[in-house]
Amino acid sequence: MTSERQAITLQGVTKAFPLGDGRALEVLNIPALELPAGSYTVLKGPSGSGKTTLLNLMAGVATPSSGKIRLDGTDLFALLESDRDRFRAEHVGYIFQTFNLLAPFTALENVLLAMLFASKLPKREQRRRAAAMLSTLGLGGRLSHRPHQLSRGEQQRVAIARALVNDPPVILADEPCASLDPKTARAVLGEFLALCREARKTLLVVSHEELAVQGADEVLDMAAINHAVGASS
């Protein structure tokens, strides 16, 4: 154990999915993992190696089969589900590779929805903050546009704004530019990384992009940290 403050700590974490007949497929078995506060880590590994499952566990949206996951010293799964939902909203920003924007809502409304459970700001101040975050990402003129009216790069910028708007200390990003063309991916990834580094977020990014790897404090390989028999190698 290092003397650094750890933003994320995993101890003996496993995840298995039932196959029937009493059998289960173990996809994660991580004896120990620590991510220091303010660090930037890139996670690499082939499809099926458990990267997305790991991020889902860290975010508290999936439950481990065993083990402990602590964010800023809080045991996520010792919390009641309602308390865990609020804790996640306040402490974790999650960027999905498929954006996960809600089609009926505008860019501004998609970001505001992320503030429902976390922000104690008055409604007017929430709106101002959400608009300012979108403007920072170059979307000041697109606040009233719905996802289908935005380019894929713009949709991903909305997803980034949604993850950052509550100023959470931890940001998890699952191949955030996988759905974008190379030129757009470089631009969006560069903006995203700059914002997170400037704000000293603890950042974990699943990515094979060279731009992401170049700036990382550490690059982790799933094959090195995951001892599950059922994981792809």
C-alpha atoms as a PDB file:
ATOM      1  CA  MET A   1       0.000   0.000   0.000  1.00  0.00           C
ATOM      2  CA  THR A   2       1.433   3.364  -1.009  1.00  0.00           C
ATOM      3  CA  SER A   3       1.166   6.582   0.962  1.00  0.00           C
ATOM      4  CA  GLU A   4      -0.723   8.244  -1.899  1.00  0.00           C
ATOM      5  CA  ARG A   5      -4.425   8.824  -1.451  1.00  0.00           C
ATOM      6  CA  GLN A   6      -6.229   6.219  -3.533  1.00  0.00           C
ATOM      7  CA  ALA A   7      -9.294   7.359  -5.462  1.00  0.00           C
ATOM      8  CA  ILE A   8     -10.290   3.814  -6.447  1.00  0.00           C
ATOM      9  CA  THR A   9      -9.353   0.606  -4.630  1.00  0.00           C
ATOM     10  CA  LEU A  10     -10.362  -2.945  -5.581  1.00  0.00           C
ATOM     11  CA  GLN A  11      -9.744  -5.884  -3.255  1.00  0.00           C
ATOM     12  CA  GLY A  12     -10.521  -9.456  -4.288  1.00  0.00           C
ATOM     13  CA  VAL A  13     -13.122  -8.357  -6.854  1.00  0.00           C
ATOM     14  CA  THR A  14     -14.755 -11.037  -8.978  1.00  0.00           C
ATOM     15  CA  LYS A  15     -17.663 -11.036 -11.400  1.00  0.00           C
ATOM     16  CA  ALA A  16     -19.318 -14.185 -12.699  1.00  0.00           C
ATOM     17  CA  PHE A  17     -22.388 -14.729 -14.860  1.00  0.00           C
ATOM     18  CA  PRO A  18     -24.590 -17.801 -14.371  1.00  0.00           C
ATOM     19  CA  LEU A  19     -24.679 -20.336 -17.226  1.00  0.00           C
ATOM     20  CA  GLY A  20     -27.302 -22.633 -15.718  1.00  0.00           C
ATOM     21  CA  ASP A  21     -26.969 -26.073 -14.107  1.00  0.00           C
ATOM     22  CA  GLY A  22     -25.162 -24.419 -11.233  1.00  0.00           C
ATOM     23  CA  ARG A  23     -22.297 -23.299 -13.448  1.00  0.00           C
ATOM     24  CA  ALA A  24     -21.010 -19.756 -13.880  1.00  0.00           C
ATOM     25  CA  LEU A  25     -18.609 -17.973 -16.203  1.00  0.00           C
ATOM     26  CA  GLU A  26     -16.099 -15.877 -14.289  1.00  0.00           C
ATOM     27  CA  VAL A  27     -15.133 -12.841 -16.379  1.00  0.00           C
ATOM     28  CA  LEU A  28     -13.320 -10.819 -13.716  1.00  0.00           C
ATOM     29  CA  ASN A  29     -10.972 -11.827 -10.935  1.00  0.00           C
ATOM     30  CA  ILE A  30      -8.889  -8.863  -9.803  1.00  0.00           C
ATOM     31  CA  PRO A  31      -6.968  -9.528  -6.586  1.00  0.00           C
ATOM     32  CA  ALA A  32      -5.955  -5.881  -6.109  1.00  0.00           C
ATOM     33  CA  LEU A  33      -5.995  -2.607  -8.013  1.00  0.00           C
ATOM     34  CA  GLU A  34      -5.390   0.972  -6.907  1.00  0.00           C
ATOM     35  CA  LEU A  35      -5.750   4.218  -8.837  1.00  0.00           C
ATOM     36  CA  PRO A  36      -4.216   7.226  -7.068  1.00  0.00           C
ATOM     37  CA  ALA A  37      -6.224  10.430  -6.798  1.00  0.00           C
ATOM     38  CA  GLY A  38      -5.554  12.731  -9.737  1.00  0.00           C
ATOM     39  CA  SER A  39      -3.952   9.994 -11.825  1.00  0.00           C
ATOM     40  CA  TYR A  40      -4.642   9.292 -15.486  1.00  0.00           C
ATOM     41  CA  THR A  41      -4.750   5.600 -16.406  1.00  0.00           C
ATOM     42  CA  VAL A  42      -5.390   3.950 -19.766  1.00  0.00           C
ATOM     43  CA  LEU A  43      -6.825   0.427 -19.777  1.00  0.00           C
ATOM     44  CA  LYS A  44      -6.146  -1.795 -22.784  1.00  0.00           C
ATOM     45  CA  GLY A  45      -7.193  -5.285 -23.760  1.00  0.00           C
ATOM     46  CA  PRO A  46      -9.019  -7.236 -26.479  1.00  0.00           C
ATOM     47  CA  SER A  47     -12.768  -7.473 -26.819  1.00  0.00           C
ATOM     48  CA  GLY A  48     -14.191  -9.834 -24.211  1.00  0.00           C
ATOM     49  CA  SER A  49     -11.416  -9.286 -21.689  1.00  0.00           C
ATOM     50  CA  GLY A  50     -13.732  -7.604 -19.160  1.00  0.00           C
ATOM     51  CA  LYS A  51     -12.902  -3.909 -19.609  1.00  0.00           C
ATOM     52  CA  THR A  52     -16.490  -2.647 -19.764  1.00  0.00           C
ATOM     53  CA  THR A  53     -17.548  -4.970 -16.936  1.00  0.00           C
ATOM     54  CA  LEU A  54     -14.755  -3.522 -14.795  1.00  0.00           C
ATOM     55  CA  LEU A  55     -15.852   0.057 -15.478  1.00  0.00           C
ATOM     56  CA  ASN A  56     -19.468  -0.842 -14.691  1.00  0.00           C
ATOM     57  CA  LEU A  57     -18.384  -2.242 -11.324  1.00  0.00           C
ATOM     58  CA  MET A  58     -16.277   0.815 -10.535  1.00  0.00           C
ATOM     59  CA  ALA A  59     -19.219   3.056 -11.381  1.00  0.00           C
ATOM     60  CA  GLY A  60     -21.550   1.046  -9.196  1.00  0.00           C
ATOM     61  CA  VAL A  61     -23.950   0.218 -12.039  1.00  0.00           C
ATOM     62  CA  ALA A  62     -23.118  -3.510 -11.782  1.00  0.00           C
ATOM     63  CA  THR A  63     -22.576  -5.554  -8.628  1.00  0.00           C
ATOM     64  CA  PRO A  64     -19.464  -7.683  -8.036  1.00  0.00           C
ATOM     65  CA  SER A  65     -19.861 -11.355  -7.188  1.00  0.00           C
ATOM     66  CA  SER A  66     -17.354 -10.847  -4.373  1.00  0.00           C
ATOM     67  CA  GLY A  67     -14.812  -8.359  -3.109  1.00  0.00           C
ATOM     68  CA  LYS A  68     -14.749  -4.678  -2.194  1.00  0.00           C
ATOM     69  CA  ILE A  69     -14.658  -1.557  -4.344  1.00  0.00           C
ATOM     70  CA  ARG A  70     -13.912   1.741  -2.634  1.00  0.00           C
ATOM     71  CA  LEU A  71     -14.208   5.199  -4.154  1.00  0.00           C
ATOM     72  CA  ASP A  72     -12.548   7.898  -2.078  1.00  0.00           C
ATOM     73  CA  GLY A  73     -12.635   5.508   0.868  1.00  0.00           C
ATOM     74  CA  THR A  74     -16.349   4.673   0.564  1.00  0.00           C
ATOM     75  CA  ASP A  75     -17.285   1.021   0.113  1.00  0.00           C
ATOM     76  CA  LEU A  76     -19.698   1.285  -2.827  1.00  0.00           C
ATOM     77  CA  PHE A  77     -21.590  -1.902  -2.140  1.00  0.00           C
ATOM     78  CA  ALA A  78     -21.975  -1.321   1.570  1.00  0.00           C
ATOM     79  CA  LEU A  79     -24.345   1.500   0.611  1.00  0.00           C
ATOM     80  CA  LEU A  80     -28.077   1.076   0.105  1.00  0.00           C
ATOM     81  CA  GLU A  81     -28.964   1.162  -3.580  1.00  0.00           C
ATOM     82  CA  SER A  82     -30.549   4.635  -3.325  1.00  0.00           C
ATOM     83  CA  ASP A  83     -27.504   5.975  -1.487  1.00  0.00           C
ATOM     84  CA  ARG A  84     -25.205   4.366  -4.047  1.00  0.00           C
ATOM     85  CA  ASP A  85     -27.117   6.053  -6.885  1.00  0.00           C
ATOM     86  CA  ARG A  86     -26.625   9.452  -5.272  1.00  0.00           C
ATOM     87  CA  PHE A  87     -22.999   8.749  -4.420  1.00  0.00           C
ATOM     88  CA  ARG A  88     -22.331   7.733  -8.037  1.00  0.00           C
ATOM     89  CA  ALA A  89     -24.014  10.862  -9.371  1.00  0.00           C
ATOM     90  CA  GLU A  90     -21.846  13.052  -7.146  1.00  0.00           C
ATOM     91  CA  HIS A  91     -18.540  11.190  -7.445  1.00  0.00           C
ATOM     92  CA  VAL A  92     -18.375   9.461 -10.838  1.00  0.00           C
ATOM     93  CA  GLY A  93     -18.730  10.731 -14.390  1.00  0.00           C
ATOM     94  CA  TYR A  94     -19.207   7.900 -16.889  1.00  0.00           C
ATOM     95  CA  ILE A  95     -18.736   8.290 -20.655  1.00  0.00           C
ATOM     96  CA  PHE A  96     -20.135   5.458 -22.753  1.00  0.00           C
ATOM     97  CA  GLN A  97     -18.782   4.568 -26.190  1.00  0.00           C
ATOM     98  CA  THR A  98     -22.327   4.703 -27.617  1.00  0.00           C
ATOM     99  CA  PHE A  99     -23.063   8.129 -26.043  1.00  0.00           C
ATOM    100  CA  ASN A 100     -26.356   6.965 -24.362  1.00  0.00           C
ATOM    101  CA  LEU A 101     -28.096  10.297 -24.965  1.00  0.00           C
ATOM    102  CA  LEU A 102     -31.877  10.406 -24.559  1.00  0.00           C
ATOM    103  CA  ALA A 103     -33.392  11.069 -27.980  1.00  0.00           C
ATOM    104  CA  PRO A 104     -36.458  13.153 -26.924  1.00  0.00           C
ATOM    105  CA  PHE A 105     -34.310  15.655 -25.008  1.00  0.00           C
ATOM    106  CA  THR A 106     -32.146  18.533 -26.161  1.00  0.00           C
ATOM    107  CA  ALA A 107     -28.406  18.720 -25.591  1.00  0.00           C
ATOM    108  CA  LEU A 108     -29.006  21.026 -22.636  1.00  0.00           C
ATOM    109  CA  GLU A 109     -31.705  18.785 -21.170  1.00  0.00           C
ATOM    110  CA  ASN A 110     -29.485  15.692 -21.486  1.00  0.00           C
ATOM    111  CA  VAL A 111     -26.839  17.429 -19.396  1.00  0.00           C
ATOM    112  CA  LEU A 112     -29.378  18.787 -16.899  1.00  0.00           C
ATOM    113  CA  LEU A 113     -30.707  15.273 -16.294  1.00  0.00           C
ATOM    114  CA  ALA A 114     -27.313  14.320 -14.886  1.00  0.00           C
ATOM    115  CA  MET A 115     -27.742  17.012 -12.235  1.00  0.00           C
ATOM    116  CA  LEU A 116     -31.056  15.725 -10.871  1.00  0.00           C
ATOM    117  CA  PHE A 117     -29.568  13.507  -8.165  1.00  0.00           C
ATOM    118  CA  ALA A 118     -26.260  15.234  -7.543  1.00  0.00           C
ATOM    119  CA  SER A 119     -26.526  18.987  -7.717  1.00  0.00           C
ATOM    120  CA  LYS A 120     -27.695  21.083  -4.801  1.00  0.00           C
ATOM    121  CA  LEU A 121     -27.638  24.200  -6.985  1.00  0.00           C
ATOM    122  CA  PRO A 122     -30.869  26.122  -7.655  1.00  0.00           C
ATOM    123  CA  LYS A 123     -32.543  25.197 -10.949  1.00  0.00           C
ATOM    124  CA  ARG A 124     -31.487  28.421 -12.628  1.00  0.00           C
ATOM    125  CA  GLU A 125     -27.862  27.901 -11.603  1.00  0.00           C
ATOM    126  CA  GLN A 126     -27.986  24.293 -12.815  1.00  0.00           C
ATOM    127  CA  ARG A 127     -29.122  25.516 -16.213  1.00  0.00           C
ATOM    128  CA  ARG A 128     -26.355  28.121 -16.317  1.00  0.00           C
ATOM    129  CA  ARG A 129     -23.713  25.554 -15.383  1.00  0.00           C
ATOM    130  CA  ALA A 130     -24.943  22.991 -17.923  1.00  0.00           C
ATOM    131  CA  ALA A 131     -24.978  25.612 -20.683  1.00  0.00           C
ATOM    132  CA  ALA A 132     -21.494  26.803 -19.711  1.00  0.00           C
ATOM    133  CA  MET A 133     -20.123  23.251 -19.838  1.00  0.00           C
ATOM    134  CA  LEU A 134     -21.598  22.699 -23.297  1.00  0.00           C
ATOM    135  CA  SER A 135     -20.188  26.037 -24.434  1.00  0.00           C
ATOM    136  CA  THR A 136     -16.739  25.054 -23.170  1.00  0.00           C
ATOM    137  CA  LEU A 137     -16.964  22.052 -25.497  1.00  0.00           C
ATOM    138  CA  GLY A 138     -17.971  24.221 -28.460  1.00  0.00           C
ATOM    139  CA  LEU A 139     -21.712  23.553 -28.316  1.00  0.00           C
ATOM    140  CA  GLY A 140     -22.963  26.974 -27.185  1.00  0.00           C
ATOM    141  CA  GLY A 141     -25.020  27.269 -30.344  1.00  0.00           C
ATOM    142  CA  ARG A 142     -26.462  23.749 -30.136  1.00  0.00           C
ATOM    143  CA  LEU A 143     -28.141  23.772 -26.728  1.00  0.00           C
ATOM    144  CA  SER A 144     -31.655  23.275 -28.106  1.00  0.00           C
ATOM    145  CA  HIS A 145     -30.708  20.585 -30.625  1.00  0.00           C
ATOM    146  CA  ARG A 146     -31.743  16.977 -30.073  1.00  0.00           C
ATOM    147  CA  PRO A 147     -29.284  14.106 -30.611  1.00  0.00           C
ATOM    148  CA  HIS A 148     -30.475  13.337 -34.147  1.00  0.00           C
ATOM    149  CA  GLN A 149     -29.734  16.960 -35.088  1.00  0.00           C
ATOM    150  CA  LEU A 150     -26.131  16.689 -33.920  1.00  0.00           C
ATOM    151  CA  SER A 151     -23.103  15.116 -35.573  1.00  0.00           C
ATOM    152  CA  ARG A 152     -21.537  12.113 -33.866  1.00  0.00           C
ATOM    153  CA  GLY A 153     -18.707  14.289 -32.617  1.00  0.00           C
ATOM    154  CA  GLU A 154     -21.209  16.748 -31.166  1.00  0.00           C
ATOM    155  CA  GLN A 155     -23.153  13.925 -29.524  1.00  0.00           C
ATOM    156  CA  GLN A 156     -19.975  12.713 -27.847  1.00  0.00           C
ATOM    157  CA  ARG A 157     -19.247  16.241 -26.628  1.00  0.00           C
ATOM    158  CA  VAL A 158     -22.714  16.308 -25.032  1.00  0.00           C
ATOM    159  CA  ALA A 159     -21.904  12.985 -23.345  1.00  0.00           C
ATOM    160  CA  ILE A 160     -18.635  14.452 -22.053  1.00  0.00           C
ATOM    161  CA  ALA A 161     -20.433  17.549 -20.744  1.00  0.00           C
ATOM    162  CA  ARG A 162     -22.940  15.300 -18.967  1.00  0.00           C
ATOM    163  CA  ALA A 163     -20.109  13.385 -17.277  1.00  0.00           C
ATOM    164  CA  LEU A 164     -18.283  16.537 -16.152  1.00  0.00           C
ATOM    165  CA  VAL A 165     -21.136  18.842 -15.192  1.00  0.00           C
ATOM    166  CA  ASN A 166     -21.371  17.720 -11.542  1.00  0.00           C
ATOM    167  CA  ASP A 167     -17.609  18.152 -11.127  1.00  0.00           C
ATOM    168  CA  PRO A 168     -17.111  14.534  -9.972  1.00  0.00           C
ATOM    169  CA  PRO A 169     -13.620  13.592  -8.787  1.00  0.00           C
ATOM    170  CA  VAL A 170     -13.582  10.355 -10.846  1.00  0.00           C
ATOM    171  CA  ILE A 171     -14.145  10.054 -14.604  1.00  0.00           C
ATOM    172  CA  LEU A 172     -14.548   6.677 -16.336  1.00  0.00           C
ATOM    173  CA  ALA A 173     -14.557   6.567 -20.138  1.00  0.00           C
ATOM    174  CA  ASP A 174     -15.262   3.422 -22.145  1.00  0.00           C
ATOM    175  CA  GLU A 175     -13.600   3.847 -25.548  1.00  0.00           C
ATOM    176  CA  PRO A 176     -15.070   7.343 -25.781  1.00  0.00           C
ATOM    177  CA  CYS A 177     -14.079   7.883 -29.421  1.00  0.00           C
ATOM    178  CA  ALA A 178     -14.650   4.395 -30.838  1.00  0.00           C
ATOM    179  CA  SER A 179     -17.721   5.556 -32.790  1.00  0.00           C
ATOM    180  CA  LEU A 180     -16.012   8.586 -34.335  1.00  0.00           C
ATOM    181  CA  ASP A 181     -13.905   9.011 -37.463  1.00  0.00           C
ATOM    182  CA  PRO A 182     -10.153   9.385 -36.748  1.00  0.00           C
ATOM    183  CA  LYS A 183     -10.001  13.172 -37.230  1.00  0.00           C
ATOM    184  CA  THR A 184     -13.030  13.849 -35.024  1.00  0.00           C
ATOM    185  CA  ALA A 185     -11.812  11.290 -32.467  1.00  0.00           C
ATOM    186  CA  ARG A 186      -8.482  13.092 -32.065  1.00  0.00           C
ATOM    187  CA  ALA A 187     -10.185  16.474 -31.632  1.00  0.00           C
ATOM    188  CA  VAL A 188     -12.783  15.254 -29.112  1.00  0.00           C
ATOM    189  CA  LEU A 189     -10.291  13.140 -27.156  1.00  0.00           C
ATOM    190  CA  GLY A 190      -7.855  16.032 -26.972  1.00  0.00           C
ATOM    191  CA  GLU A 191     -10.517  18.391 -25.578  1.00  0.00           C
ATOM    192  CA  PHE A 192     -11.730  15.787 -23.096  1.00  0.00           C
ATOM    193  CA  LEU A 193      -8.271  14.928 -21.778  1.00  0.00           C
ATOM    194  CA  ALA A 194      -7.315  18.588 -21.455  1.00  0.00           C
ATOM    195  CA  LEU A 195     -10.413  19.369 -19.379  1.00  0.00           C
ATOM    196  CA  CYS A 196      -9.880  16.390 -17.068  1.00  0.00           C
ATOM    197  CA  ARG A 197      -6.181  17.012 -16.565  1.00  0.00           C
ATOM    198  CA  GLU A 198      -6.733  20.709 -15.892  1.00  0.00           C
ATOM    199  CA  ALA A 199      -9.322  19.843 -13.224  1.00  0.00           C
ATOM    200  CA  ARG A 200      -7.052  17.090 -11.790  1.00  0.00           C
ATOM    201  CA  LYS A 201      -9.681  14.394 -12.148  1.00  0.00           C
ATOM    202  CA  THR A 202      -8.886  10.762 -11.469  1.00  0.00           C
ATOM    203  CA  LEU A 203      -9.300   9.459 -14.994  1.00  0.00           C
ATOM    204  CA  LEU A 204      -9.592   5.887 -16.259  1.00  0.00           C
ATOM    205  CA  VAL A 205      -9.983   5.539 -20.020  1.00  0.00           C
ATOM    206  CA  VAL A 206     -10.461   2.358 -22.011  1.00  0.00           C
ATOM    207  CA  SER A 207      -8.741   3.220 -25.282  1.00  0.00           C
ATOM    208  CA  HIS A 208      -6.227   2.119 -27.880  1.00  0.00           C
ATOM    209  CA  GLU A 209      -5.871   5.650 -29.272  1.00  0.00           C
ATOM    210  CA  GLU A 210      -2.233   6.732 -29.367  1.00  0.00           C
ATOM    211  CA  LEU A 211      -3.203  10.213 -28.158  1.00  0.00           C
ATOM    212  CA  ALA A 212      -4.755   8.691 -25.041  1.00  0.00           C
ATOM    213  CA  VAL A 213      -1.782   6.436 -24.337  1.00  0.00           C
ATOM    214  CA  GLN A 214       0.800   9.204 -24.803  1.00  0.00           C
ATOM    215  CA  GLY A 215      -0.470  11.327 -21.930  1.00  0.00           C
ATOM    216  CA  ALA A 216      -1.205   8.555 -19.443  1.00  0.00           C
ATOM    217  CA  ASP A 217       0.501   8.171 -16.073  1.00  0.00           C
ATOM    218  CA  GLU A 218       0.032   4.410 -16.378  1.00  0.00           C
ATOM    219  CA  VAL A 219      -1.139   1.953 -19.023  1.00  0.00           C
ATOM    220  CA  LEU A 220      -2.780  -1.198 -17.657  1.00  0.00           C
ATOM    221  CA  ASP A 221      -3.273  -4.410 -19.626  1.00  0.00           C
ATOM    222  CA  MET A 222      -6.346  -6.431 -18.662  1.00  0.00           C
ATOM    223  CA  ALA A 223      -4.361  -9.627 -19.114  1.00  0.00           C
ATOM    224  CA  ALA A 224      -2.023  -8.493 -16.336  1.00  0.00           C
ATOM    225  CA  ILE A 225      -4.648  -7.501 -13.765  1.00  0.00           C
ATOM    226  CA  ASN A 226      -7.475  -9.940 -14.534  1.00  0.00           C
ATOM    227  CA  HIS A 227      -6.958 -13.535 -13.381  1.00  0.00           C
ATOM    228  CA  ALA A 228     -10.379 -14.802 -14.501  1.00  0.00           C
ATOM    229  CA  VAL A 229     -10.323 -18.108 -16.316  1.00  0.00           C
ATOM    230  CA  GLY A 230     -13.255 -17.070 -18.528  1.00  0.00           C
ATOM    231  CA  ALA A 231     -11.664 -13.861 -19.824  1.00  0.00           C
ATOM    232  CA  SER A 232     -10.273 -13.669 -23.359  1.00  0.00           C
ATOM    233  CA  SER A 233      -6.497 -13.462 -23.693  1.00  0.00           C
END
